[in-house]
Amino acid sequence: MIPPRGAQGRLGCLAISISTSCFTCTTETVEFIKERFIFVRETAYNAYRRSSYVLVRSFISIPALIVLSLSFCLITFWAIGLSGGVSGFLFYFLAACGTFWAGVK
């Protein structure tokens, strides 16, 4: 694969890869549909609040999102031809983590 040349090619590649990864992280919707009956029943009886459920589900997904984001970034950072060294990679990794987390939630 030939890496894209120029800023516009790299930005296009980044936009497509991150938007595609955001849309592929919709597994949480299926899980919520499975747990919906339990969620509604337990919040109706005040077993816990809705915010507690959302926070716990968000924090549980963090380790998987870190592994997914790291593998995505290790493959695409150098394949796209991005530069910036360690600080550029960390910025790209944090942006990918945020994108994956937004896609899941």
PDB file of N, CA and C in Angstrom:
ATOM      1  N   MET A   1       0.839  -1.173   0.000  1.00  0.00           N
ATOM      2  CA  MET A   1       0.000   0.000   0.000  1.00  0.00           C
ATOM      3  C   MET A   1       0.886   1.239   0.000  1.00  0.00           C
ATOM      4  N   ILE A   2       0.590   2.145  -0.869  1.00  0.00           N
ATOM      5  CA  ILE A   2       1.350   3.391  -0.952  1.00  0.00           C
ATOM      6  C   ILE A   2       0.717   4.396  -0.002  1.00  0.00           C
ATOM      7  N   PRO A   3       1.505   4.968   0.913  1.00  0.00           N
ATOM      8  CA  PRO A   3       0.915   5.959   1.827  1.00  0.00           C
ATOM      9  C   PRO A   3       0.477   7.207   1.074  1.00  0.00           C
ATOM     10  N   PRO A   4      -0.584   7.856   1.555  1.00  0.00           N
ATOM     11  CA  PRO A   4      -1.060   9.064   0.871  1.00  0.00           C
ATOM     12  C   PRO A   4      -0.035  10.183   0.941  1.00  0.00           C
ATOM     13  N   ARG A   5       0.034  10.962  -0.108  1.00  0.00           N
ATOM     14  CA  ARG A   5       0.996  12.055  -0.157  1.00  0.00           C
ATOM     15  C   ARG A   5       0.293  13.368   0.141  1.00  0.00           C
ATOM     16  N   GLY A   6       0.976  14.235   0.851  1.00  0.00           N
ATOM     17  CA  GLY A   6       0.433  15.558   1.142  1.00  0.00           C
ATOM     18  C   GLY A   6      -0.533  15.569   2.309  1.00  0.00           C
ATOM     19  N   ALA A   7      -0.810  16.762   2.773  1.00  0.00           N
ATOM     20  CA  ALA A   7      -1.673  16.929   3.939  1.00  0.00           C
ATOM     21  C   ALA A   7      -3.115  16.523   3.649  1.00  0.00           C
ATOM     22  N   GLN A   8      -3.607  16.852   2.476  1.00  0.00           N
ATOM     23  CA  GLN A   8      -4.987  16.537   2.157  1.00  0.00           C
ATOM     24  C   GLN A   8      -5.208  15.025   2.082  1.00  0.00           C
ATOM     25  N   GLY A   9      -4.270  14.300   1.532  1.00  0.00           N
ATOM     26  CA  GLY A   9      -4.383  12.849   1.475  1.00  0.00           C
ATOM     27  C   GLY A   9      -4.361  12.212   2.852  1.00  0.00           C
ATOM     28  N   ARG A  10      -3.493  12.726   3.711  1.00  0.00           N
ATOM     29  CA  ARG A  10      -3.417  12.194   5.075  1.00  0.00           C
ATOM     30  C   ARG A  10      -4.674  12.515   5.870  1.00  0.00           C
ATOM     31  N   LEU A  11      -5.179  13.742   5.731  1.00  0.00           N
ATOM     32  CA  LEU A  11      -6.406  14.113   6.444  1.00  0.00           C
ATOM     33  C   LEU A  11      -7.597  13.280   5.968  1.00  0.00           C
ATOM     34  N   GLY A  12      -7.663  13.026   4.683  1.00  0.00           N
ATOM     35  CA  GLY A  12      -8.728  12.181   4.157  1.00  0.00           C
ATOM     36  C   GLY A  12      -8.648  10.768   4.692  1.00  0.00           C
ATOM     37  N   CYS A  13      -7.442  10.243   4.747  1.00  0.00           N
ATOM     38  CA  CYS A  13      -7.243   8.897   5.277  1.00  0.00           C
ATOM     39  C   CYS A  13      -7.598   8.843   6.758  1.00  0.00           C
ATOM     40  N   LEU A  14      -7.214   9.872   7.514  1.00  0.00           N
ATOM     41  CA  LEU A  14      -7.555   9.925   8.936  1.00  0.00           C
ATOM     42  C   LEU A  14      -9.061  10.024   9.139  1.00  0.00           C
ATOM     43  N   ALA A  15      -9.716  10.864   8.369  1.00  0.00           N
ATOM     44  CA  ALA A  15     -11.157  11.033   8.514  1.00  0.00           C
ATOM     45  C   ALA A  15     -11.906   9.740   8.228  1.00  0.00           C
ATOM     46  N   ILE A  16     -11.511   9.057   7.182  1.00  0.00           N
ATOM     47  CA  ILE A  16     -12.187   7.803   6.842  1.00  0.00           C
ATOM     48  C   ILE A  16     -11.904   6.727   7.868  1.00  0.00           C
ATOM     49  N   SER A  17     -10.660   6.597   8.303  1.00  0.00           N
ATOM     50  CA  SER A  17     -10.324   5.525   9.248  1.00  0.00           C
ATOM     51  C   SER A  17     -10.951   5.765  10.617  1.00  0.00           C
ATOM     52  N   ILE A  18     -10.959   6.999  11.099  1.00  0.00           N
ATOM     53  CA  ILE A  18     -11.529   7.253  12.422  1.00  0.00           C
ATOM     54  C   ILE A  18     -13.053   7.195  12.381  1.00  0.00           C
ATOM     55  N   SER A  19     -13.669   7.689  11.324  1.00  0.00           N
ATOM     56  CA  SER A  19     -15.133   7.591  11.263  1.00  0.00           C
ATOM     57  C   SER A  19     -15.580   6.141  11.104  1.00  0.00           C
ATOM     58  N   THR A  20     -14.838   5.361  10.347  1.00  0.00           N
ATOM     59  CA  THR A  20     -15.163   3.946  10.214  1.00  0.00           C
ATOM     60  C   THR A  20     -15.009   3.239  11.547  1.00  0.00           C
ATOM     61  N   SER A  21     -13.945   3.556  12.279  1.00  0.00           N
ATOM     62  CA  SER A  21     -13.751   2.912  13.574  1.00  0.00           C
ATOM     63  C   SER A  21     -14.811   3.333  14.572  1.00  0.00           C
ATOM     64  N   CYS A  22     -15.287   4.543  14.479  1.00  0.00           N
ATOM     65  CA  CYS A  22     -16.350   5.016  15.373  1.00  0.00           C
ATOM     66  C   CYS A  22     -17.641   4.247  15.114  1.00  0.00           C
ATOM     67  N   PHE A  23     -17.950   3.997  13.867  1.00  0.00           N
ATOM     68  CA  PHE A  23     -19.186   3.294  13.539  1.00  0.00           C
ATOM     69  C   PHE A  23     -19.101   1.800  13.805  1.00  0.00           C
ATOM     70  N   THR A  24     -17.915   1.243  13.869  1.00  0.00           N
ATOM     71  CA  THR A  24     -17.794  -0.185  14.147  1.00  0.00           C
ATOM     72  C   THR A  24     -17.835  -0.484  15.633  1.00  0.00           C
ATOM     73  N   CYS A  25     -17.826   0.533  16.459  1.00  0.00           N
ATOM     74  CA  CYS A  25     -17.856   0.344  17.913  1.00  0.00           C
ATOM     75  C   CYS A  25     -19.269   0.403  18.469  1.00  0.00           C
ATOM     76  N   THR A  26     -20.243   0.009  17.721  1.00  0.00           N
ATOM     77  CA  THR A  26     -21.617   0.114  18.176  1.00  0.00           C
ATOM     78  C   THR A  26     -22.093  -1.150  18.882  1.00  0.00           C
ATOM     79  N   THR A  27     -21.185  -1.939  19.407  1.00  0.00           N
ATOM     80  CA  THR A  27     -21.566  -3.163  20.106  1.00  0.00           C
ATOM     81  C   THR A  27     -22.286  -2.859  21.416  1.00  0.00           C
ATOM     82  N   GLU A  28     -22.056  -1.695  21.974  1.00  0.00           N
ATOM     83  CA  GLU A  28     -22.701  -1.330  23.244  1.00  0.00           C
ATOM     84  C   GLU A  28     -24.212  -1.224  23.078  1.00  0.00           C
ATOM     85  N   THR A  29     -24.685  -0.849  21.915  1.00  0.00           N
ATOM     86  CA  THR A  29     -26.123  -0.746  21.676  1.00  0.00           C
ATOM     87  C   THR A  29     -26.784  -2.107  21.802  1.00  0.00           C
ATOM     88  N   VAL A  30     -26.170  -3.122  21.246  1.00  0.00           N
ATOM     89  CA  VAL A  30     -26.709  -4.483  21.339  1.00  0.00           C
ATOM     90  C   VAL A  30     -26.713  -4.944  22.793  1.00  0.00           C
ATOM     91  N   GLU A  31     -25.646  -4.648  23.532  1.00  0.00           N
ATOM     92  CA  GLU A  31     -25.586  -5.034  24.941  1.00  0.00           C
ATOM     93  C   GLU A  31     -26.667  -4.327  25.749  1.00  0.00           C
ATOM     94  N   PHE A  32     -26.904  -3.056  25.474  1.00  0.00           N
ATOM     95  CA  PHE A  32     -27.933  -2.341  26.216  1.00  0.00           C
ATOM     96  C   PHE A  32     -29.318  -2.899  25.911  1.00  0.00           C
ATOM     97  N   ILE A  33     -29.561  -3.274  24.676  1.00  0.00           N
ATOM     98  CA  ILE A  33     -30.861  -3.851  24.334  1.00  0.00           C
ATOM     99  C   ILE A  33     -31.070  -5.148  25.106  1.00  0.00           C
ATOM    100  N   LYS A  34     -30.014  -5.933  25.260  1.00  0.00           N
ATOM    101  CA  LYS A  34     -30.117  -7.172  26.035  1.00  0.00           C
ATOM    102  C   LYS A  34     -30.387  -6.888  27.514  1.00  0.00           C
ATOM    103  N   GLU A  35     -29.789  -5.840  28.052  1.00  0.00           N
ATOM    104  CA  GLU A  35     -29.908  -5.528  29.478  1.00  0.00           C
ATOM    105  C   GLU A  35     -31.010  -4.520  29.779  1.00  0.00           C
ATOM    106  N   ARG A  36     -31.740  -4.104  28.794  1.00  0.00           N
ATOM    107  CA  ARG A  36     -32.729  -3.041  28.976  1.00  0.00           C
ATOM    108  C   ARG A  36     -33.795  -3.389  30.001  1.00  0.00           C
ATOM    109  N   PHE A  37     -34.330  -4.588  29.948  1.00  0.00           N
ATOM    110  CA  PHE A  37     -35.379  -4.991  30.887  1.00  0.00           C
ATOM    111  C   PHE A  37     -34.867  -4.928  32.324  1.00  0.00           C
ATOM    112  N   ILE A  38     -33.675  -5.438  32.558  1.00  0.00           N
ATOM    113  CA  ILE A  38     -33.080  -5.410  33.898  1.00  0.00           C
ATOM    114  C   ILE A  38     -32.827  -3.973  34.325  1.00  0.00           C
ATOM    115  N   PHE A  39     -32.310  -3.160  33.419  1.00  0.00           N
ATOM    116  CA  PHE A  39     -32.026  -1.758  33.718  1.00  0.00           C
ATOM    117  C   PHE A  39     -33.292  -1.010  34.121  1.00  0.00           C
ATOM    118  N   VAL A  40     -34.351  -1.176  33.358  1.00  0.00           N
ATOM    119  CA  VAL A  40     -35.609  -0.481  33.648  1.00  0.00           C
ATOM    120  C   VAL A  40     -36.180  -0.958  34.978  1.00  0.00           C
ATOM    121  N   ARG A  41     -36.153  -2.254  35.223  1.00  0.00           N
ATOM    122  CA  ARG A  41     -36.700  -2.789  36.466  1.00  0.00           C
ATOM    123  C   ARG A  41     -35.929  -2.305  37.690  1.00  0.00           C
ATOM    124  N   GLU A  42     -34.612  -2.342  37.609  1.00  0.00           N
ATOM    125  CA  GLU A  42     -33.809  -1.969  38.773  1.00  0.00           C
ATOM    126  C   GLU A  42     -33.796  -0.463  39.018  1.00  0.00           C
ATOM    127  N   THR A  43     -33.878   0.335  37.975  1.00  0.00           N
ATOM    128  CA  THR A  43     -33.977   1.786  38.210  1.00  0.00           C
ATOM    129  C   THR A  43     -35.371   2.169  38.691  1.00  0.00           C
ATOM    130  N   ALA A  44     -36.389   1.416  38.309  1.00  0.00           N
ATOM    131  CA  ALA A  44     -37.741   1.697  38.791  1.00  0.00           C
ATOM    132  C   ALA A  44     -37.855   1.424  40.290  1.00  0.00           C
ATOM    133  N   TYR A  45     -37.156   0.405  40.782  1.00  0.00           N
ATOM    134  CA  TYR A  45     -37.164   0.076  42.213  1.00  0.00           C
ATOM    135  C   TYR A  45     -36.058   0.786  42.986  1.00  0.00           C
ATOM    136  N   ASN A  46     -35.411   1.754  42.349  1.00  0.00           N
ATOM    137  CA  ASN A  46     -34.348   2.555  42.975  1.00  0.00           C
ATOM    138  C   ASN A  46     -33.190   1.704  43.499  1.00  0.00           C
ATOM    139  N   ALA A  47     -32.868   0.636  42.787  1.00  0.00           N
ATOM    140  CA  ALA A  47     -31.707  -0.176  43.167  1.00  0.00           C
ATOM    141  C   ALA A  47     -30.425   0.614  42.915  1.00  0.00           C
ATOM    142  N   TYR A  48     -30.402   1.374  41.858  1.00  0.00           N
ATOM    143  CA  TYR A  48     -29.315   2.306  41.565  1.00  0.00           C
ATOM    144  C   TYR A  48     -29.834   3.365  40.605  1.00  0.00           C
ATOM    145  N   ARG A  49     -29.056   4.432  40.474  1.00  0.00           N
ATOM    146  CA  ARG A  49     -29.455   5.529  39.595  1.00  0.00           C
ATOM    147  C   ARG A  49     -28.986   5.263  38.162  1.00  0.00           C
ATOM    148  N   ARG A  50     -29.567   5.975  37.248  1.00  0.00           N
ATOM    149  CA  ARG A  50     -29.171   5.839  35.842  1.00  0.00           C
ATOM    150  C   ARG A  50     -27.737   6.290  35.628  1.00  0.00           C
ATOM    151  N   SER A  51     -27.347   7.350  36.317  1.00  0.00           N
ATOM    152  CA  SER A  51     -25.980   7.848  36.164  1.00  0.00           C
ATOM    153  C   SER A  51     -24.957   6.827  36.650  1.00  0.00           C
ATOM    154  N   SER A  52     -25.276   6.071  37.688  1.00  0.00           N
ATOM    155  CA  SER A  52     -24.371   5.028  38.169  1.00  0.00           C
ATOM    156  C   SER A  52     -24.178   3.953  37.113  1.00  0.00           C
ATOM    157  N   TYR A  53     -25.260   3.572  36.471  1.00  0.00           N
ATOM    158  CA  TYR A  53     -25.180   2.559  35.426  1.00  0.00           C
ATOM    159  C   TYR A  53     -24.307   3.038  34.270  1.00  0.00           C
ATOM    160  N   VAL A  54     -24.516   4.274  33.835  1.00  0.00           N
ATOM    161  CA  VAL A  54     -23.751   4.813  32.707  1.00  0.00           C
ATOM    162  C   VAL A  54     -22.265   4.920  33.064  1.00  0.00           C
ATOM    163  N   LEU A  55     -21.963   5.408  34.262  1.00  0.00           N
ATOM    164  CA  LEU A  55     -20.556   5.533  34.671  1.00  0.00           C
ATOM    165  C   LEU A  55     -19.866   4.182  34.760  1.00  0.00           C
ATOM    166  N   VAL A  56     -20.533   3.216  35.349  1.00  0.00           N
ATOM    167  CA  VAL A  56     -19.920   1.889  35.474  1.00  0.00           C
ATOM    168  C   VAL A  56     -19.711   1.270  34.107  1.00  0.00           C
ATOM    169  N   ARG A  57     -20.696   1.357  33.234  1.00  0.00           N
ATOM    170  CA  ARG A  57     -20.535   0.800  31.883  1.00  0.00           C
ATOM    171  C   ARG A  57     -19.420   1.516  31.121  1.00  0.00           C
ATOM    172  N   SER A  58     -19.267   2.810  31.364  1.00  0.00           N
ATOM    173  CA  SER A  58     -18.197   3.559  30.698  1.00  0.00           C
ATOM    174  C   SER A  58     -16.828   3.121  31.199  1.00  0.00           C
ATOM    175  N   PHE A  59     -16.675   2.987  32.514  1.00  0.00           N
ATOM    176  CA  PHE A  59     -15.383   2.604  33.069  1.00  0.00           C
ATOM    177  C   PHE A  59     -15.019   1.154  32.776  1.00  0.00           C
ATOM    178  N   ILE A  60     -16.014   0.295  32.653  1.00  0.00           N
ATOM    179  CA  ILE A  60     -15.739  -1.107  32.328  1.00  0.00           C
ATOM    180  C   ILE A  60     -15.165  -1.225  30.916  1.00  0.00           C
ATOM    181  N   SER A  61     -15.591  -0.363  30.018  1.00  0.00           N
ATOM    182  CA  SER A  61     -15.154  -0.468  28.623  1.00  0.00           C
ATOM    183  C   SER A  61     -13.772   0.130  28.367  1.00  0.00           C
ATOM    184  N   ILE A  62     -13.202   0.834  29.335  1.00  0.00           N
ATOM    185  CA  ILE A  62     -11.921   1.515  29.109  1.00  0.00           C
ATOM    186  C   ILE A  62     -10.772   0.563  28.750  1.00  0.00           C
ATOM    187  N   PRO A  63     -10.541  -0.556  29.472  1.00  0.00           N
ATOM    188  CA  PRO A  63      -9.409  -1.425  29.085  1.00  0.00           C
ATOM    189  C   PRO A  63      -9.505  -1.954  27.658  1.00  0.00           C
ATOM    190  N   ALA A  64     -10.695  -2.371  27.257  1.00  0.00           N
ATOM    191  CA  ALA A  64     -10.856  -2.865  25.884  1.00  0.00           C
ATOM    192  C   ALA A  64     -10.633  -1.757  24.870  1.00  0.00           C
ATOM    193  N   LEU A  65     -11.080  -0.548  25.186  1.00  0.00           N
ATOM    194  CA  LEU A  65     -10.888   0.573  24.272  1.00  0.00           C
ATOM    195  C   LEU A  65      -9.421   0.958  24.151  1.00  0.00           C
ATOM    196  N   ILE A  66      -8.678   0.844  25.237  1.00  0.00           N
ATOM    197  CA  ILE A  66      -7.241   1.149  25.183  1.00  0.00           C
ATOM    198  C   ILE A  66      -6.528   0.153  24.281  1.00  0.00           C
ATOM    199  N   VAL A  67      -6.840  -1.129  24.426  1.00  0.00           N
ATOM    200  CA  VAL A  67      -6.214  -2.151  23.571  1.00  0.00           C
ATOM    201  C   VAL A  67      -6.608  -1.936  22.114  1.00  0.00           C
ATOM    202  N   LEU A  68      -7.882  -1.677  21.865  1.00  0.00           N
ATOM    203  CA  LEU A  68      -8.358  -1.447  20.502  1.00  0.00           C
ATOM    204  C   LEU A  68      -7.711  -0.211  19.890  1.00  0.00           C
ATOM    205  N   SER A  69      -7.649   0.883  20.662  1.00  0.00           N
ATOM    206  CA  SER A  69      -7.050   2.122  20.163  1.00  0.00           C
ATOM    207  C   SER A  69      -5.564   1.971  19.908  1.00  0.00           C
ATOM    208  N   LEU A  70      -4.877   1.279  20.813  1.00  0.00           N
ATOM    209  CA  LEU A  70      -3.436   1.092  20.644  1.00  0.00           C
ATOM    210  C   LEU A  70      -3.133   0.262  19.407  1.00  0.00           C
ATOM    211  N   SER A  71      -3.868  -0.817  19.204  1.00  0.00           N
ATOM    212  CA  SER A  71      -3.628  -1.629  18.004  1.00  0.00           C
ATOM    213  C   SER A  71      -3.970  -0.844  16.739  1.00  0.00           C
ATOM    214  N   PHE A  72      -5.049  -0.068  16.768  1.00  0.00           N
ATOM    215  CA  PHE A  72      -5.419   0.760  15.626  1.00  0.00           C
ATOM    216  C   PHE A  72      -4.328   1.784  15.322  1.00  0.00           C
ATOM    217  N   CYS A  73      -3.823   2.440  16.366  1.00  0.00           N
ATOM    218  CA  CYS A  73      -2.813   3.492  16.176  1.00  0.00           C
ATOM    219  C   CYS A  73      -1.473   2.930  15.739  1.00  0.00           C
ATOM    220  N   LEU A  74      -1.092   1.781  16.279  1.00  0.00           N
ATOM    221  CA  LEU A  74       0.179   1.177  15.874  1.00  0.00           C
ATOM    222  C   LEU A  74       0.177   0.815  14.394  1.00  0.00           C
ATOM    223  N   ILE A  75      -0.972   0.424  13.887  1.00  0.00           N
ATOM    224  CA  ILE A  75      -1.062   0.066  12.471  1.00  0.00           C
ATOM    225  C   ILE A  75      -1.143   1.309  11.592  1.00  0.00           C
ATOM    226  N   THR A  76      -2.010   2.244  11.948  1.00  0.00           N
ATOM    227  CA  THR A  76      -2.299   3.341  11.031  1.00  0.00           C
ATOM    228  C   THR A  76      -1.341   4.525  11.115  1.00  0.00           C
ATOM    229  N   PHE A  77      -0.713   4.759  12.257  1.00  0.00           N
ATOM    230  CA  PHE A  77       0.144   5.937  12.399  1.00  0.00           C
ATOM    231  C   PHE A  77       1.262   5.939  11.366  1.00  0.00           C
ATOM    232  N   TRP A  78       1.956   4.831  11.259  1.00  0.00           N
ATOM    233  CA  TRP A  78       3.072   4.776  10.306  1.00  0.00           C
ATOM    234  C   TRP A  78       2.608   4.409   8.907  1.00  0.00           C
ATOM    235  N   ALA A  79       1.481   3.702   8.781  1.00  0.00           N
ATOM    236  CA  ALA A  79       0.970   3.363   7.451  1.00  0.00           C
ATOM    237  C   ALA A  79       0.498   4.609   6.710  1.00  0.00           C
ATOM    238  N   ILE A  80      -0.080   5.549   7.444  1.00  0.00           N
ATOM    239  CA  ILE A  80      -0.533   6.801   6.834  1.00  0.00           C
ATOM    240  C   ILE A  80       0.652   7.707   6.526  1.00  0.00           C
ATOM    241  N   GLY A  81       1.722   7.548   7.280  1.00  0.00           N
ATOM    242  CA  GLY A  81       2.901   8.382   7.074  1.00  0.00           C
ATOM    243  C   GLY A  81       2.908   9.611   7.959  1.00  0.00           C
ATOM    244  N   LEU A  82       2.282   9.520   9.125  1.00  0.00           N
ATOM    245  CA  LEU A  82       2.272  10.655  10.042  1.00  0.00           C
ATOM    246  C   LEU A  82       3.626  10.779  10.725  1.00  0.00           C
ATOM    247  N   SER A  83       3.950  11.979  11.129  1.00  0.00           N
ATOM    248  CA  SER A  83       5.204  12.210  11.838  1.00  0.00           C
ATOM    249  C   SER A  83       4.887  12.919  13.146  1.00  0.00           C
ATOM    250  N   GLY A  84       5.903  13.181  13.918  1.00  0.00           N
ATOM    251  CA  GLY A  84       5.697  13.862  15.187  1.00  0.00           C
ATOM    252  C   GLY A  84       6.328  13.124  16.342  1.00  0.00           C
ATOM    253  N   GLY A  85       6.897  11.988  16.062  1.00  0.00           N
ATOM    254  CA  GLY A  85       7.573  11.242  17.104  1.00  0.00           C
ATOM    255  C   GLY A  85       6.614  10.715  18.154  1.00  0.00           C
ATOM    256  N   VAL A  86       7.122  10.626  19.376  1.00  0.00           N
ATOM    257  CA  VAL A  86       6.338  10.071  20.471  1.00  0.00           C
ATOM    258  C   VAL A  86       5.167  10.988  20.832  1.00  0.00           C
ATOM    259  N   SER A  87       5.394  12.289  20.847  1.00  0.00           N
ATOM    260  CA  SER A  87       4.302  13.209  21.202  1.00  0.00           C
ATOM    261  C   SER A  87       3.200  13.180  20.142  1.00  0.00           C
ATOM    262  N   GLY A  88       3.552  13.074  18.884  1.00  0.00           N
ATOM    263  CA  GLY A  88       2.544  12.965  17.828  1.00  0.00           C
ATOM    264  C   GLY A  88       1.760  11.670  17.932  1.00  0.00           C
ATOM    265  N   PHE A  89       2.467  10.584  18.260  1.00  0.00           N
ATOM    266  CA  PHE A  89       1.785   9.302  18.411  1.00  0.00           C
ATOM    267  C   PHE A  89       0.850   9.334  19.616  1.00  0.00           C
ATOM    268  N   LEU A  90       1.284   9.922  20.724  1.00  0.00           N
ATOM    269  CA  LEU A  90       0.422   9.996  21.909  1.00  0.00           C
ATOM    270  C   LEU A  90      -0.822  10.837  21.648  1.00  0.00           C
ATOM    271  N   PHE A  91      -0.660  11.935  20.930  1.00  0.00           N
ATOM    272  CA  PHE A  91      -1.820  12.751  20.576  1.00  0.00           C
ATOM    273  C   PHE A  91      -2.782  11.959  19.696  1.00  0.00           C
ATOM    274  N   TYR A  92      -2.244  11.248  18.730  1.00  0.00           N
ATOM    275  CA  TYR A  92      -3.062  10.422  17.831  1.00  0.00           C
ATOM    276  C   TYR A  92      -3.762   9.311  18.618  1.00  0.00           C
ATOM    277  N   PHE A  93      -3.043   8.712  19.560  1.00  0.00           N
ATOM    278  CA  PHE A  93      -3.603   7.656  20.396  1.00  0.00           C
ATOM    279  C   PHE A  93      -4.739   8.192  21.269  1.00  0.00           C
ATOM    280  N   LEU A  94      -4.540   9.350  21.883  1.00  0.00           N
ATOM    281  CA  LEU A  94      -5.597   9.928  22.722  1.00  0.00           C
ATOM    282  C   LEU A  94      -6.820  10.322  21.895  1.00  0.00           C
ATOM    283  N   ALA A  95      -6.583  10.834  20.699  1.00  0.00           N
ATOM    284  CA  ALA A  95      -7.709  11.165  19.815  1.00  0.00           C
ATOM    285  C   ALA A  95      -8.466   9.907  19.402  1.00  0.00           C
ATOM    286  N   ALA A  96      -7.731   8.835  19.130  1.00  0.00           N
ATOM    287  CA  ALA A  96      -8.385   7.571  18.772  1.00  0.00           C
ATOM    288  C   ALA A  96      -9.153   7.004  19.959  1.00  0.00           C
ATOM    289  N   CYS A  97      -8.584   7.088  21.163  1.00  0.00           N
ATOM    290  CA  CYS A  97      -9.300   6.627  22.369  1.00  0.00           C
ATOM    291  C   CYS A  97     -10.600   7.392  22.542  1.00  0.00           C
ATOM    292  N   GLY A  98     -10.542   8.694  22.377  1.00  0.00           N
ATOM    293  CA  GLY A  98     -11.754   9.503  22.497  1.00  0.00           C
ATOM    294  C   GLY A  98     -12.788   9.156  21.444  1.00  0.00           C
ATOM    295  N   THR A  99     -12.324   8.890  20.245  1.00  0.00           N
ATOM    296  CA  THR A  99     -13.238   8.526  19.166  1.00  0.00           C
ATOM    297  C   THR A  99     -13.893   7.183  19.434  1.00  0.00           C
ATOM    298  N   PHE A 100     -13.082   6.203  19.856  1.00  0.00           N
ATOM    299  CA  PHE A 100     -13.647   4.895  20.164  1.00  0.00           C
ATOM    300  C   PHE A 100     -14.624   4.974  21.333  1.00  0.00           C
ATOM    301  N   TRP A 101     -14.270   5.772  22.365  1.00  0.00           N
ATOM    302  CA  TRP A 101     -15.153   5.894  23.514  1.00  0.00           C
ATOM    303  C   TRP A 101     -16.461   6.583  23.129  1.00  0.00           C
ATOM    304  N   ALA A 102     -16.381   7.592  22.281  1.00  0.00           N
ATOM    305  CA  ALA A 102     -17.603   8.245  21.802  1.00  0.00           C
ATOM    306  C   ALA A 102     -18.440   7.291  20.943  1.00  0.00           C
ATOM    307  N   GLY A 103     -17.771   6.446  20.189  1.00  0.00           N
ATOM    308  CA  GLY A 103     -18.498   5.478  19.365  1.00  0.00           C
ATOM    309  C   GLY A 103     -19.205   4.431  20.193  1.00  0.00           C
ATOM    310  N   VAL A 104     -18.616   4.066  21.316  1.00  0.00           N
ATOM    311  CA  VAL A 104     -19.228   3.058  22.182  1.00  0.00           C
ATOM    312  C   VAL A 104     -20.352   3.652  23.000  1.00  0.00           C
ATOM    313  N   LYS A 105     -20.191   4.888  23.422  1.00  0.00           N
ATOM    314  CA  LYS A 105     -21.214   5.502  24.276  1.00  0.00           C
ATOM    315  C   LYS A 105     -22.149   6.275  23.423  1.00  0.00           C
TER     316      LYS A 105
END
